[in-house]
Amino acid sequence: MPHSRRLWITLLIVVLIALAVWWIPNWQSDDQPSDAPANARDERSSAVAAIEARRGDLEITVGALGTVRSLSNIDVYPRVEGELLSVDFEEGERVKKGRLLATIDPRDYQAQLAAAQGQLVQDQAQLKSAREDLERYETLAQSQSISRQELEQQRQLVRQYEGAVASDRADIESARIQLGYTRITAPSDGIIGIRNVDPGNLVSSSDDDPIATLTQLDPISVVFSLPSQYVPTLRKQLQSGDAPVVTVTTVGDTRLEGRLTSIDSQIDTATGTVRLRARFDNATRRLYPNAFVNVRLTVDTLRDRVIVPTPAVQTGQDGLFVYVVGDDDTVTRHDVNVIASEDHRSALASGVSVGESVVVDGVDSLRDGAKVRVVSHALPGEASASSTAAGDADMQTPRDAS
C-alpha cells in the first residue's frame, strides 16, 4: 500500500511540471502583444550595406619578386704582371672615374719603354744615312756612273729602315700603354668594395680574384619577370615615351618609385615570362645589389569607367551579377560584365549606371525583388569600424550627462 501511494504522488508531480512548462511561455506571449507586429515587420526586410557606383579611372597593377641589380658592376683586375706596391682606396669608399685605385711596380715597364725609344733612335740614324746615300746614288745614276740595280737596292734599303722606324714607334706606344697599366684607375663612378689582395703580392691578369669590385649604386635597377601577355601593352607605353611606374617595397616596408626602362628581347619558354628592368634613383642607398624586393607595376589604366566595389560582384550560374537597390527599397539583380578588378574595385562594361547603389554586404539572404533596409554606406570593414566608434560615443553619453 505505501508503494502505491508513492507511485501516485510521483505521477502527480510529473503532471504539474508539464502544465507549468506549457503555461509559462503562453503567459509571457500574452503579456507582450504589442512587440510582435514590429518584429514581424523587421523580419520581412534584410539589413544590407550599399555603395553608389561611380565613374573614374582604374589602374591595373601586377606584382612580382625582383632582384636589385647594379647598372655597372666592374671587377678590377690588373692588366700587367708585377708586384702590387700600394692600394690607394678605402673599402666602401665612393670613387670618381679616373681615381687611382692601386699601383704595380713600374720599373720593368719603364725599362721596356726606354729600350724601345733607344731602338727608335738607332733606326732613325740608319734611315737618315740610307736616305743620304740614296740622294748620291740618284745623282750618279743620271751620269750612268752606277747601275740601275744598285740604285734600286738603295731604295729598298731606305724603305726597310722606314719600316723599322715605324715598328719602333709602335713598340714605344705599346710600352707606354703597358707602363700606364701599372697605375690602376677607376673605370667609372661607384662604390669600391672590399679588397682581395694586399700590397706586396704579385698580381696578374690571370688571377682568380679581382683586386676589388667597383659597383654603381645610384642610379640602380631592379630586374623582374612578368607573364608575356603584358609585353605588347608595356612595349607600346615605352615607345610612346610614357614609361610605366614601378614601385618596390624593401625590408622595413620602405617604398621607392622608379620607371620601366627595358624589356628583354626574348621570352623564357619554360615559364612563359619575360624579364624587365626598372631604374631607380638611389642616393640614400636603400636598394643594394642582389637584394630581393617586391615589385608592383602599373601595366594599364582604364579611363572613365563605371567603378563599383568588388564585394558587390557575385557569381551565379549564368555569370556575374550585382544587386541594385531601388527607390522602393527593393533589390533588382543586374547581370554585369567586369573588365578588370584591382584593389577591391571593379570596372564594369555594362549592367550598372553611375549613381545606382549596389549591395556590398548582406547579399547571401537576398533574392530578386527582396525588401531591404540600407543600414550602411561603407564596405564591411569600414562599416564595423564606424559602428564601433558610434557605440563608444553612445556609451559615454550617460556618463557625460550625469
Foldseek 3Di string as FASTA:
>chain_A
DVVVVVVVVVVVVVVVVVVVVVPVVVVVCVVPVVCVVVVVVVVQAAEFAKAFWAWWKDFDKDKFKWFWFFPDKDFAAFAFKAFWAAAPDDAFDWDFFFAFGTAGDLPVLVVQLVVLVVQLVVLVVQLVVLVVVLVVVVVCVVVPVDDPVVSVVSVVSNVVSVVSNVVSVVSNVVSVVNSVSRGGTHRGTATKHDADDGGGDIGHRPDPHGRIMGTHVFWIKIKTKDAPVLVVLQVVCVVVVNFWKKWKAAPVRDIFIWGWDDWDPDADPVVNITMTMTIGGQPVSPHDGRGMIMMMIRSDMGGTFTKDFQLQWDADPVGIWWWWQDPVQWTAIWHWAWPDDDDRMTTTPDGDDGGIMTTNPPPPPHDGGRHYDHPHHDHPVVVVVVVVVVVVVVVCVVVVVD
